[in-house]
Amino acid sequence: VADAFDAITSPRAYREARSPQQALEI
């Protein structure tokens, strides 16, 4: 869960970072 939250809220070469709230919803 911790790994997923950080991955979602961090930028990647192929996408922008999501907000913490978006990560929580996912």
mmCIF file of all heavy atoms, coordinates in Angstrom:
data_MODEL
# 
_entry.id   MODEL 
# 
loop_
_atom_site.group_PDB 
_atom_site.id 
_atom_site.type_symbol 
_atom_site.label_atom_id 
_atom_site.label_alt_id 
_atom_site.label_comp_id 
_atom_site.label_asym_id 
_atom_site.label_entity_id 
_atom_site.label_seq_id 
_atom_site.pdbx_PDB_ins_code 
_atom_site.Cartn_x 
_atom_site.Cartn_y 
_atom_site.Cartn_z 
_atom_site.occupancy 
_atom_site.B_iso_or_equiv 
_atom_site.pdbx_formal_charge 
_atom_site.auth_seq_id 
_atom_site.auth_comp_id 
_atom_site.auth_asym_id 
_atom_site.auth_atom_id 
_atom_site.pdbx_PDB_model_num 
ATOM 1   N N   . VAL A 1 1  ? 0.837   -1.204 0.000   1.00 0.00 ? 1  VAL A N   1 
ATOM 2   C CA  . VAL A 1 1  ? 0.000   0.000  0.000   1.00 0.00 ? 1  VAL A CA  1 
ATOM 3   C C   . VAL A 1 1  ? 0.871   1.253  0.000   1.00 0.00 ? 1  VAL A C   1 
ATOM 4   O O   . VAL A 1 1  ? 0.606   2.211  -0.735  1.00 0.00 ? 1  VAL A O   1 
ATOM 5   C CB  . VAL A 1 1  ? -0.953  -0.016 1.211   1.00 0.00 ? 1  VAL A CB  1 
ATOM 6   C CG1 . VAL A 1 1  ? -1.636  1.334  1.377   1.00 0.00 ? 1  VAL A CG1 1 
ATOM 7   C CG2 . VAL A 1 1  ? -2.000  -1.115 1.038   1.00 0.00 ? 1  VAL A CG2 1 
ATOM 8   N N   . ALA A 1 2  ? 1.923   1.242  0.821   1.00 0.00 ? 2  ALA A N   1 
ATOM 9   C CA  . ALA A 1 2  ? 2.823   2.395  0.868   1.00 0.00 ? 2  ALA A CA  1 
ATOM 10  C C   . ALA A 1 2  ? 3.509   2.606  -0.475  1.00 0.00 ? 2  ALA A C   1 
ATOM 11  O O   . ALA A 1 2  ? 3.651   3.740  -0.952  1.00 0.00 ? 2  ALA A O   1 
ATOM 12  C CB  . ALA A 1 2  ? 3.868   2.194  1.972   1.00 0.00 ? 2  ALA A CB  1 
ATOM 13  N N   . ASP A 1 3  ? 3.924   1.505  -1.108  1.00 0.00 ? 3  ASP A N   1 
ATOM 14  C CA  . ASP A 1 3  ? 4.588   1.587  -2.404  1.00 0.00 ? 3  ASP A CA  1 
ATOM 15  C C   . ASP A 1 3  ? 3.634   2.121  -3.465  1.00 0.00 ? 3  ASP A C   1 
ATOM 16  O O   . ASP A 1 3  ? 4.011   2.966  -4.294  1.00 0.00 ? 3  ASP A O   1 
ATOM 17  C CB  . ASP A 1 3  ? 5.091   0.193  -2.793  1.00 0.00 ? 3  ASP A CB  1 
ATOM 18  C CG  . ASP A 1 3  ? 5.845   0.189  -4.110  1.00 0.00 ? 3  ASP A CG  1 
ATOM 19  O OD1 . ASP A 1 3  ? 6.990   0.684  -4.139  1.00 0.00 ? 3  ASP A OD1 1 
ATOM 20  O OD2 . ASP A 1 3  ? 5.299   -0.310 -5.107  1.00 0.00 ? 3  ASP A OD2 1 
ATOM 21  N N   . ALA A 1 4  ? 2.397   1.670  -3.446  1.00 0.00 ? 4  ALA A N   1 
ATOM 22  C CA  . ALA A 1 4  ? 1.409   2.119  -4.427  1.00 0.00 ? 4  ALA A CA  1 
ATOM 23  C C   . ALA A 1 4  ? 1.105   3.604  -4.263  1.00 0.00 ? 4  ALA A C   1 
ATOM 24  O O   . ALA A 1 4  ? 1.030   4.348  -5.247  1.00 0.00 ? 4  ALA A O   1 
ATOM 25  C CB  . ALA A 1 4  ? 0.127   1.301  -4.284  1.00 0.00 ? 4  ALA A CB  1 
ATOM 26  N N   . PHE A 1 5  ? 0.947   4.045  -3.012  1.00 0.00 ? 5  PHE A N   1 
ATOM 27  C CA  . PHE A 1 5  ? 0.635   5.457  -2.772  1.00 0.00 ? 5  PHE A CA  1 
ATOM 28  C C   . PHE A 1 5  ? 1.749   6.346  -3.300  1.00 0.00 ? 5  PHE A C   1 
ATOM 29  O O   . PHE A 1 5  ? 1.487   7.358  -3.962  1.00 0.00 ? 5  PHE A O   1 
ATOM 30  C CB  . PHE A 1 5  ? 0.422   5.706  -1.276  1.00 0.00 ? 5  PHE A CB  1 
ATOM 31  C CG  . PHE A 1 5  ? 0.053   7.130  -0.953  1.00 0.00 ? 5  PHE A CG  1 
ATOM 32  C CD1 . PHE A 1 5  ? -1.272  7.549  -1.021  1.00 0.00 ? 5  PHE A CD1 1 
ATOM 33  C CD2 . PHE A 1 5  ? 1.018   8.058  -0.604  1.00 0.00 ? 5  PHE A CD2 1 
ATOM 34  C CE1 . PHE A 1 5  ? -1.626  8.865  -0.740  1.00 0.00 ? 5  PHE A CE1 1 
ATOM 35  C CE2 . PHE A 1 5  ? 0.685   9.374  -0.321  1.00 0.00 ? 5  PHE A CE2 1 
ATOM 36  C CZ  . PHE A 1 5  ? -0.643  9.774  -0.391  1.00 0.00 ? 5  PHE A CZ  1 
ATOM 37  N N   . ASP A 1 6  ? 2.998   5.968  -3.027  1.00 0.00 ? 6  ASP A N   1 
ATOM 38  C CA  . ASP A 1 6  ? 4.108   6.800  -3.496  1.00 0.00 ? 6  ASP A CA  1 
ATOM 39  C C   . ASP A 1 6  ? 4.225   6.760  -5.013  1.00 0.00 ? 6  ASP A C   1 
ATOM 40  O O   . ASP A 1 6  ? 4.523   7.781  -5.644  1.00 0.00 ? 6  ASP A O   1 
ATOM 41  C CB  . ASP A 1 6  ? 5.428   6.340  -2.860  1.00 0.00 ? 6  ASP A CB  1 
ATOM 42  C CG  . ASP A 1 6  ? 6.571   7.283  -3.175  1.00 0.00 ? 6  ASP A CG  1 
ATOM 43  O OD1 . ASP A 1 6  ? 6.602   8.394  -2.585  1.00 0.00 ? 6  ASP A OD1 1 
ATOM 44  O OD2 . ASP A 1 6  ? 7.406   6.941  -4.022  1.00 0.00 ? 6  ASP A OD2 1 
ATOM 45  N N   . ALA A 1 7  ? 4.001   5.590  -5.607  1.00 0.00 ? 7  ALA A N   1 
ATOM 46  C CA  . ALA A 1 7  ? 4.092   5.478  -7.068  1.00 0.00 ? 7  ALA A CA  1 
ATOM 47  C C   . ALA A 1 7  ? 3.038   6.347  -7.754  1.00 0.00 ? 7  ALA A C   1 
ATOM 48  O O   . ALA A 1 7  ? 3.321   7.019  -8.752  1.00 0.00 ? 7  ALA A O   1 
ATOM 49  C CB  . ALA A 1 7  ? 3.927   4.026  -7.492  1.00 0.00 ? 7  ALA A CB  1 
ATOM 50  N N   . ILE A 1 8  ? 1.826   6.358  -7.202  1.00 0.00 ? 8  ILE A N   1 
ATOM 51  C CA  . ILE A 1 8  ? 0.733   7.122  -7.815  1.00 0.00 ? 8  ILE A CA  1 
ATOM 52  C C   . ILE A 1 8  ? 0.975   8.631  -7.677  1.00 0.00 ? 8  ILE A C   1 
ATOM 53  O O   . ILE A 1 8  ? 0.680   9.402  -8.589  1.00 0.00 ? 8  ILE A O   1 
ATOM 54  C CB  . ILE A 1 8  ? -0.613  6.731  -7.180  1.00 0.00 ? 8  ILE A CB  1 
ATOM 55  C CG1 . ILE A 1 8  ? -0.929  5.263  -7.497  1.00 0.00 ? 8  ILE A CG1 1 
ATOM 56  C CG2 . ILE A 1 8  ? -1.737  7.632  -7.693  1.00 0.00 ? 8  ILE A CG2 1 
ATOM 57  C CD1 . ILE A 1 8  ? -2.112  4.720  -6.718  1.00 0.00 ? 8  ILE A CD1 1 
ATOM 58  N N   . THR A 1 9  ? 1.522   9.044  -6.550  1.00 0.00 ? 9  THR A N   1 
ATOM 59  C CA  . THR A 1 9  ? 1.706   10.477 -6.291  1.00 0.00 ? 9  THR A CA  1 
ATOM 60  C C   . THR A 1 9  ? 3.045   11.005 -6.786  1.00 0.00 ? 9  THR A C   1 
ATOM 61  O O   . THR A 1 9  ? 3.368   12.174 -6.575  1.00 0.00 ? 9  THR A O   1 
ATOM 62  C CB  . THR A 1 9  ? 1.583   10.768 -4.787  1.00 0.00 ? 9  THR A CB  1 
ATOM 63  O OG1 . THR A 1 9  ? 2.525   9.961  -4.053  1.00 0.00 ? 9  THR A OG1 1 
ATOM 64  C CG2 . THR A 1 9  ? 0.182   10.494 -4.287  1.00 0.00 ? 9  THR A CG2 1 
ATOM 65  N N   . SER A 1 10 ? 3.839   10.165 -7.433  1.00 0.00 ? 10 SER A N   1 
ATOM 66  C CA  . SER A 1 10 ? 5.137   10.593 -7.980  1.00 0.00 ? 10 SER A CA  1 
ATOM 67  C C   . SER A 1 10 ? 5.050   10.687 -9.490  1.00 0.00 ? 10 SER A C   1 
ATOM 68  O O   . SER A 1 10 ? 4.391   9.871  -10.136 1.00 0.00 ? 10 SER A O   1 
ATOM 69  C CB  . SER A 1 10 ? 6.235   9.587  -7.595  1.00 0.00 ? 10 SER A CB  1 
ATOM 70  O OG  . SER A 1 10 ? 6.391   9.522  -6.193  1.00 0.00 ? 10 SER A OG  1 
ATOM 71  N N   . PRO A 1 11 ? 5.730   11.673 -10.088 1.00 0.00 ? 11 PRO A N   1 
ATOM 72  C CA  . PRO A 1 11 ? 5.722   11.778 -11.559 1.00 0.00 ? 11 PRO A CA  1 
ATOM 73  C C   . PRO A 1 11 ? 6.520   10.648 -12.177 1.00 0.00 ? 11 PRO A C   1 
ATOM 74  O O   . PRO A 1 11 ? 7.466   10.126 -11.584 1.00 0.00 ? 11 PRO A O   1 
ATOM 75  C CB  . PRO A 1 11 ? 6.387   13.138 -11.809 1.00 0.00 ? 11 PRO A CB  1 
ATOM 76  C CG  . PRO A 1 11 ? 7.278   13.345 -10.613 1.00 0.00 ? 11 PRO A CG  1 
ATOM 77  C CD  . PRO A 1 11 ? 6.537   12.731 -9.456  1.00 0.00 ? 11 PRO A CD  1 
ATOM 78  N N   . ARG A 1 12 ? 6.143   10.246 -13.345 1.00 0.00 ? 12 ARG A N   1 
ATOM 79  C CA  . ARG A 1 12 ? 6.867   9.244  -14.104 1.00 0.00 ? 12 ARG A CA  1 
ATOM 80  C C   . ARG A 1 12 ? 7.146   9.808  -15.503 1.00 0.00 ? 12 ARG A C   1 
ATOM 81  O O   . ARG A 1 12 ? 6.531   10.787 -15.928 1.00 0.00 ? 12 ARG A O   1 
ATOM 82  C CB  . ARG A 1 12 ? 6.039   7.951  -14.215 1.00 0.00 ? 12 ARG A CB  1 
ATOM 83  C CG  . ARG A 1 12 ? 5.891   7.207  -12.900 1.00 0.00 ? 12 ARG A CG  1 
ATOM 84  C CD  . ARG A 1 12 ? 7.223   6.623  -12.458 1.00 0.00 ? 12 ARG A CD  1 
ATOM 85  N NE  . ARG A 1 12 ? 7.103   5.817  -11.240 1.00 0.00 ? 12 ARG A NE  1 
ATOM 86  C CZ  . ARG A 1 12 ? 7.330   6.276  -10.026 1.00 0.00 ? 12 ARG A CZ  1 
ATOM 87  N NH1 . ARG A 1 12 ? 7.673   7.557  -9.859  1.00 0.00 ? 12 ARG A NH1 1 
ATOM 88  N NH2 . ARG A 1 12 ? 7.229   5.487  -8.979  1.00 0.00 ? 12 ARG A NH2 1 
ATOM 89  N N   . ALA A 1 13 ? 8.057   9.158  -16.206 1.00 0.00 ? 13 ALA A N   1 
ATOM 90  C CA  . ALA A 1 13 ? 8.406   9.647  -17.543 1.00 0.00 ? 13 ALA A CA  1 
ATOM 91  C C   . ALA A 1 13 ? 7.204   9.631  -18.472 1.00 0.00 ? 13 ALA A C   1 
ATOM 92  O O   . ALA A 1 13 ? 7.123   10.418 -19.412 1.00 0.00 ? 13 ALA A O   1 
ATOM 93  C CB  . ALA A 1 13 ? 9.535   8.791  -18.117 1.00 0.00 ? 13 ALA A CB  1 
ATOM 94  N N   . TYR A 1 14 ? 6.240   8.745  -18.193 1.00 0.00 ? 14 TYR A N   1 
ATOM 95  C CA  . TYR A 1 14 ? 5.092   8.580  -19.096 1.00 0.00 ? 14 TYR A CA  1 
ATOM 96  C C   . TYR A 1 14 ? 3.803   9.211  -18.571 1.00 0.00 ? 14 TYR A C   1 
ATOM 97  O O   . TYR A 1 14 ? 2.772   9.146  -19.242 1.00 0.00 ? 14 TYR A O   1 
ATOM 98  C CB  . TYR A 1 14 ? 4.862   7.089  -19.349 1.00 0.00 ? 14 TYR A CB  1 
ATOM 99  C CG  . TYR A 1 14 ? 4.725   6.266  -18.087 1.00 0.00 ? 14 TYR A CG  1 
ATOM 100 C CD1 . TYR A 1 14 ? 3.486   6.100  -17.483 1.00 0.00 ? 14 TYR A CD1 1 
ATOM 101 C CD2 . TYR A 1 14 ? 5.837   5.687  -17.496 1.00 0.00 ? 14 TYR A CD2 1 
ATOM 102 C CE1 . TYR A 1 14 ? 3.349   5.359  -16.320 1.00 0.00 ? 14 TYR A CE1 1 
ATOM 103 C CE2 . TYR A 1 14 ? 5.715   4.938  -16.325 1.00 0.00 ? 14 TYR A CE2 1 
ATOM 104 C CZ  . TYR A 1 14 ? 4.470   4.774  -15.748 1.00 0.00 ? 14 TYR A CZ  1 
ATOM 105 O OH  . TYR A 1 14 ? 4.359   4.050  -14.585 1.00 0.00 ? 14 TYR A OH  1 
ATOM 106 N N   . ARG A 1 15 ? 3.844   9.849  -17.373 1.00 0.00 ? 15 ARG A N   1 
ATOM 107 C CA  . ARG A 1 15 ? 2.616   10.479 -16.865 1.00 0.00 ? 15 ARG A CA  1 
ATOM 108 C C   . ARG A 1 15 ? 2.961   11.479 -15.761 1.00 0.00 ? 15 ARG A C   1 
ATOM 109 O O   . ARG A 1 15 ? 4.042   11.441 -15.159 1.00 0.00 ? 15 ARG A O   1 
ATOM 110 C CB  . ARG A 1 15 ? 1.644   9.428  -16.306 1.00 0.00 ? 15 ARG A CB  1 
ATOM 111 C CG  . ARG A 1 15 ? 2.177   8.691  -15.107 1.00 0.00 ? 15 ARG A CG  1 
ATOM 112 C CD  . ARG A 1 15 ? 1.069   8.036  -14.317 1.00 0.00 ? 15 ARG A CD  1 
ATOM 113 N NE  . ARG A 1 15 ? 1.586   7.180  -13.264 1.00 0.00 ? 15 ARG A NE  1 
ATOM 114 C CZ  . ARG A 1 15 ? 2.018   7.617  -12.077 1.00 0.00 ? 15 ARG A CZ  1 
ATOM 115 N NH1 . ARG A 1 15 ? 2.019   8.923  -11.811 1.00 0.00 ? 15 ARG A NH1 1 
ATOM 116 N NH2 . ARG A 1 15 ? 2.463   6.765  -11.167 1.00 0.00 ? 15 ARG A NH2 1 
ATOM 117 N N   . GLU A 1 16 ? 2.009   12.355 -15.483 1.00 0.00 ? 16 GLU A N   1 
ATOM 118 C CA  . GLU A 1 16 ? 2.146   13.310 -14.395 1.00 0.00 ? 16 GLU A CA  1 
ATOM 119 C C   . GLU A 1 16 ? 1.791   12.643 -13.069 1.00 0.00 ? 16 GLU A C   1 
ATOM 120 O O   . GLU A 1 16 ? 1.091   11.620 -13.036 1.00 0.00 ? 16 GLU A O   1 
ATOM 121 C CB  . GLU A 1 16 ? 1.220   14.509 -14.617 1.00 0.00 ? 16 GLU A CB  1 
ATOM 122 C CG  . GLU A 1 16 ? 1.552   15.341 -15.849 1.00 0.00 ? 16 GLU A CG  1 
ATOM 123 C CD  . GLU A 1 16 ? 2.879   16.051 -15.717 1.00 0.00 ? 16 GLU A CD  1 
ATOM 124 O OE1 . GLU A 1 16 ? 3.230   16.420 -14.579 1.00 0.00 ? 16 GLU A OE1 1 
ATOM 125 O OE2 . GLU A 1 16 ? 3.570   16.219 -16.745 1.00 0.00 ? 16 GLU A OE2 1 
ATOM 126 N N   . ALA A 1 17 ? 2.228   13.242 -11.989 1.00 0.00 ? 17 ALA A N   1 
ATOM 127 C CA  . ALA A 1 17 ? 1.891   12.730 -10.661 1.00 0.00 ? 17 ALA A CA  1 
ATOM 128 C C   . ALA A 1 17 ? 0.411   12.979 -10.375 1.00 0.00 ? 17 ALA A C   1 
ATOM 129 O O   . ALA A 1 17 ? -0.156  13.994 -10.788 1.00 0.00 ? 17 ALA A O   1 
ATOM 130 C CB  . ALA A 1 17 ? 2.754   13.404 -9.604  1.00 0.00 ? 17 ALA A CB  1 
ATOM 131 N N   . ARG A 1 18 ? -0.220  12.058 -9.674  1.00 0.00 ? 18 ARG A N   1 
ATOM 132 C CA  . ARG A 1 18 ? -1.604  12.259 -9.209  1.00 0.00 ? 18 ARG A CA  1 
ATOM 133 C C   . ARG A 1 18 ? -1.556  12.928 -7.835  1.00 0.00 ? 18 ARG A C   1 
ATOM 134 O O   . ARG A 1 18 ? -0.566  12.830 -7.101  1.00 0.00 ? 18 ARG A O   1 
ATOM 135 C CB  . ARG A 1 18 ? -2.325  10.919 -9.103  1.00 0.00 ? 18 ARG A CB  1 
ATOM 136 C CG  . ARG A 1 18 ? -2.258  10.068 -10.361 1.00 0.00 ? 18 ARG A CG  1 
ATOM 137 C CD  . ARG A 1 18 ? -3.190  10.551 -11.447 1.00 0.00 ? 18 ARG A CD  1 
ATOM 138 N NE  . ARG A 1 18 ? -3.166  9.652  -12.593 1.00 0.00 ? 18 ARG A NE  1 
ATOM 139 C CZ  . ARG A 1 18 ? -3.952  8.592  -12.732 1.00 0.00 ? 18 ARG A CZ  1 
ATOM 140 N NH1 . ARG A 1 18 ? -4.811  8.267  -11.766 1.00 0.00 ? 18 ARG A NH1 1 
ATOM 141 N NH2 . ARG A 1 18 ? -3.874  7.843  -13.815 1.00 0.00 ? 18 ARG A NH2 1 
ATOM 142 N N   . SER A 1 19 ? -2.632  13.536 -7.455  1.00 0.00 ? 19 SER A N   1 
ATOM 143 C CA  . SER A 1 19 ? -2.703  14.168 -6.145  1.00 0.00 ? 19 SER A CA  1 
ATOM 144 C C   . SER A 1 19 ? -2.868  13.102 -5.059  1.00 0.00 ? 19 SER A C   1 
ATOM 145 O O   . SER A 1 19 ? -3.325  11.978 -5.350  1.00 0.00 ? 19 SER A O   1 
ATOM 146 C CB  . SER A 1 19 ? -3.886  15.133 -6.086  1.00 0.00 ? 19 SER A CB  1 
ATOM 147 O OG  . SER A 1 19 ? -5.116  14.401 -6.091  1.00 0.00 ? 19 SER A OG  1 
ATOM 148 N N   . PRO A 1 20 ? -2.510  13.428 -3.810  1.00 0.00 ? 20 PRO A N   1 
ATOM 149 C CA  . PRO A 1 20 ? -2.725  12.466 -2.729  1.00 0.00 ? 20 PRO A CA  1 
ATOM 150 C C   . PRO A 1 20 ? -4.167  12.002 -2.626  1.00 0.00 ? 20 PRO A C   1 
ATOM 151 O O   . PRO A 1 20 ? -4.442  10.831 -2.362  1.00 0.00 ? 20 PRO A O   1 
ATOM 152 C CB  . PRO A 1 20 ? -2.288  13.241 -1.479  1.00 0.00 ? 20 PRO A CB  1 
ATOM 153 C CG  . PRO A 1 20 ? -1.268  14.208 -1.984  1.00 0.00 ? 20 PRO A CG  1 
ATOM 154 C CD  . PRO A 1 20 ? -1.780  14.623 -3.346  1.00 0.00 ? 20 PRO A CD  1 
ATOM 155 N N   . GLN A 1 21 ? -5.117  12.913 -2.840  1.00 0.00 ? 21 GLN A N   1 
ATOM 156 C CA  . GLN A 1 21 ? -6.520  12.541 -2.764  1.00 0.00 ? 21 GLN A CA  1 
ATOM 157 C C   . GLN A 1 21 ? -6.898  11.568 -3.872  1.00 0.00 ? 21 GLN A C   1 
ATOM 158 O O   . GLN A 1 21 ? -7.646  10.610 -3.656  1.00 0.00 ? 21 GLN A O   1 
ATOM 159 C CB  . GLN A 1 21 ? -7.412  13.789 -2.852  1.00 0.00 ? 21 GLN A CB  1 
ATOM 160 C CG  . GLN A 1 21 ? -8.878  13.517 -2.566  1.00 0.00 ? 21 GLN A CG  1 
ATOM 161 C CD  . GLN A 1 21 ? -9.104  12.875 -1.208  1.00 0.00 ? 21 GLN A CD  1 
ATOM 162 O OE1 . GLN A 1 21 ? -8.485  13.262 -0.208  1.00 0.00 ? 21 GLN A OE1 1 
ATOM 163 N NE2 . GLN A 1 21 ? -9.995  11.875 -1.149  1.00 0.00 ? 21 GLN A NE2 1 
ATOM 164 N N   . GLN A 1 22 ? -6.371  11.803 -5.077  1.00 0.00 ? 22 GLN A N   1 
ATOM 165 C CA  . GLN A 1 22 ? -6.625  10.871 -6.171  1.00 0.00 ? 22 GLN A CA  1 
ATOM 166 C C   . GLN A 1 22 ? -6.034  9.497  -5.866  1.00 0.00 ? 22 GLN A C   1 
ATOM 167 O O   . GLN A 1 22 ? -6.652  8.465  -6.149  1.00 0.00 ? 22 GLN A O   1 
ATOM 168 C CB  . GLN A 1 22 ? -6.019  11.420 -7.469  1.00 0.00 ? 22 GLN A CB  1 
ATOM 169 C CG  . GLN A 1 22 ? -6.765  12.605 -8.053  1.00 0.00 ? 22 GLN A CG  1 
ATOM 170 C CD  . GLN A 1 22 ? -6.051  13.173 -9.266  1.00 0.00 ? 22 GLN A CD  1 
ATOM 171 O OE1 . GLN A 1 22 ? -4.833  13.382 -9.258  1.00 0.00 ? 22 GLN A OE1 1 
ATOM 172 N NE2 . GLN A 1 22 ? -6.807  13.446 -10.328 1.00 0.00 ? 22 GLN A NE2 1 
ATOM 173 N N   . ALA A 1 23 ? -4.835  9.503  -5.278  1.00 0.00 ? 23 ALA A N   1 
ATOM 174 C CA  . ALA A 1 23 ? -4.195  8.234  -4.915  1.00 0.00 ? 23 ALA A CA  1 
ATOM 175 C C   . ALA A 1 23 ? -5.032  7.475  -3.900  1.00 0.00 ? 23 ALA A C   1 
ATOM 176 O O   . ALA A 1 23 ? -5.206  6.251  -4.004  1.00 0.00 ? 23 ALA A O   1 
ATOM 177 C CB  . ALA A 1 23 ? -2.797  8.488  -4.359  1.00 0.00 ? 23 ALA A CB  1 
ATOM 178 N N   . LEU A 1 24 ? -5.566  8.196  -2.913  1.00 0.00 ? 24 LEU A N   1 
ATOM 179 C CA  . LEU A 1 24 ? -6.401  7.542  -1.901  1.00 0.00 ? 24 LEU A CA  1 
ATOM 180 C C   . LEU A 1 24 ? -7.649  6.938  -2.531  1.00 0.00 ? 24 LEU A C   1 
ATOM 181 O O   . LEU A 1 24 ? -8.068  5.837  -2.145  1.00 0.00 ? 24 LEU A O   1 
ATOM 182 C CB  . LEU A 1 24 ? -6.788  8.548  -0.814  1.00 0.00 ? 24 LEU A CB  1 
ATOM 183 C CG  . LEU A 1 24 ? -5.659  9.035  0.099   1.00 0.00 ? 24 LEU A CG  1 
ATOM 184 C CD1 . LEU A 1 24 ? -6.181  10.067 1.088   1.00 0.00 ? 24 LEU A CD1 1 
ATOM 185 C CD2 . LEU A 1 24 ? -5.026  7.871  0.845   1.00 0.00 ? 24 LEU A CD2 1 
ATOM 186 N N   . GLU A 1 25 ? -8.238  7.629  -3.491  1.00 0.00 ? 25 GLU A N   1 
ATOM 187 C CA  . GLU A 1 25 ? -9.440  7.105  -4.149  1.00 0.00 ? 25 GLU A CA  1 
ATOM 188 C C   . GLU A 1 25 ? -9.116  5.850  -4.963  1.00 0.00 ? 25 GLU A C   1 
ATOM 189 O O   . GLU A 1 25 ? -9.879  4.877  -4.969  1.00 0.00 ? 25 GLU A O   1 
ATOM 190 C CB  . GLU A 1 25 ? -10.045 8.181  -5.053  1.00 0.00 ? 25 GLU A CB  1 
ATOM 191 C CG  . GLU A 1 25 ? -10.668 9.346  -4.306  1.00 0.00 ? 25 GLU A CG  1 
ATOM 192 C CD  . GLU A 1 25 ? -11.758 8.892  -3.348  1.00 0.00 ? 25 GLU A CD  1 
ATOM 193 O OE1 . GLU A 1 25 ? -12.531 7.971  -3.707  1.00 0.00 ? 25 GLU A OE1 1 
ATOM 194 O OE2 . GLU A 1 25 ? -11.846 9.445  -2.241  1.00 0.00 ? 25 GLU A OE2 1 
ATOM 195 N N   . ILE A 1 26 ? -7.969  5.858  -5.649  1.00 0.00 ? 26 ILE A N   1 
ATOM 196 C CA  . ILE A 1 26 ? -7.564  4.692  -6.438  1.00 0.00 ? 26 ILE A CA  1 
ATOM 197 C C   . ILE A 1 26 ? -7.330  3.487  -5.535  1.00 0.00 ? 26 ILE A C   1 
ATOM 198 O O   . ILE A 1 26 ? -7.780  2.373  -5.814  1.00 0.00 ? 26 ILE A O   1 
ATOM 199 C CB  . ILE A 1 26 ? -6.291  5.019  -7.246  1.00 0.00 ? 26 ILE A CB  1 
ATOM 200 C CG1 . ILE A 1 26 ? -6.604  6.047  -8.337  1.00 0.00 ? 26 ILE A CG1 1 
ATOM 201 C CG2 . ILE A 1 26 ? -5.708  3.741  -7.861  1.00 0.00 ? 26 ILE A CG2 1 
ATOM 202 C CD1 . ILE A 1 26 ? -5.381  6.577  -9.048  1.00 0.00 ? 26 ILE A CD1 1 
# 
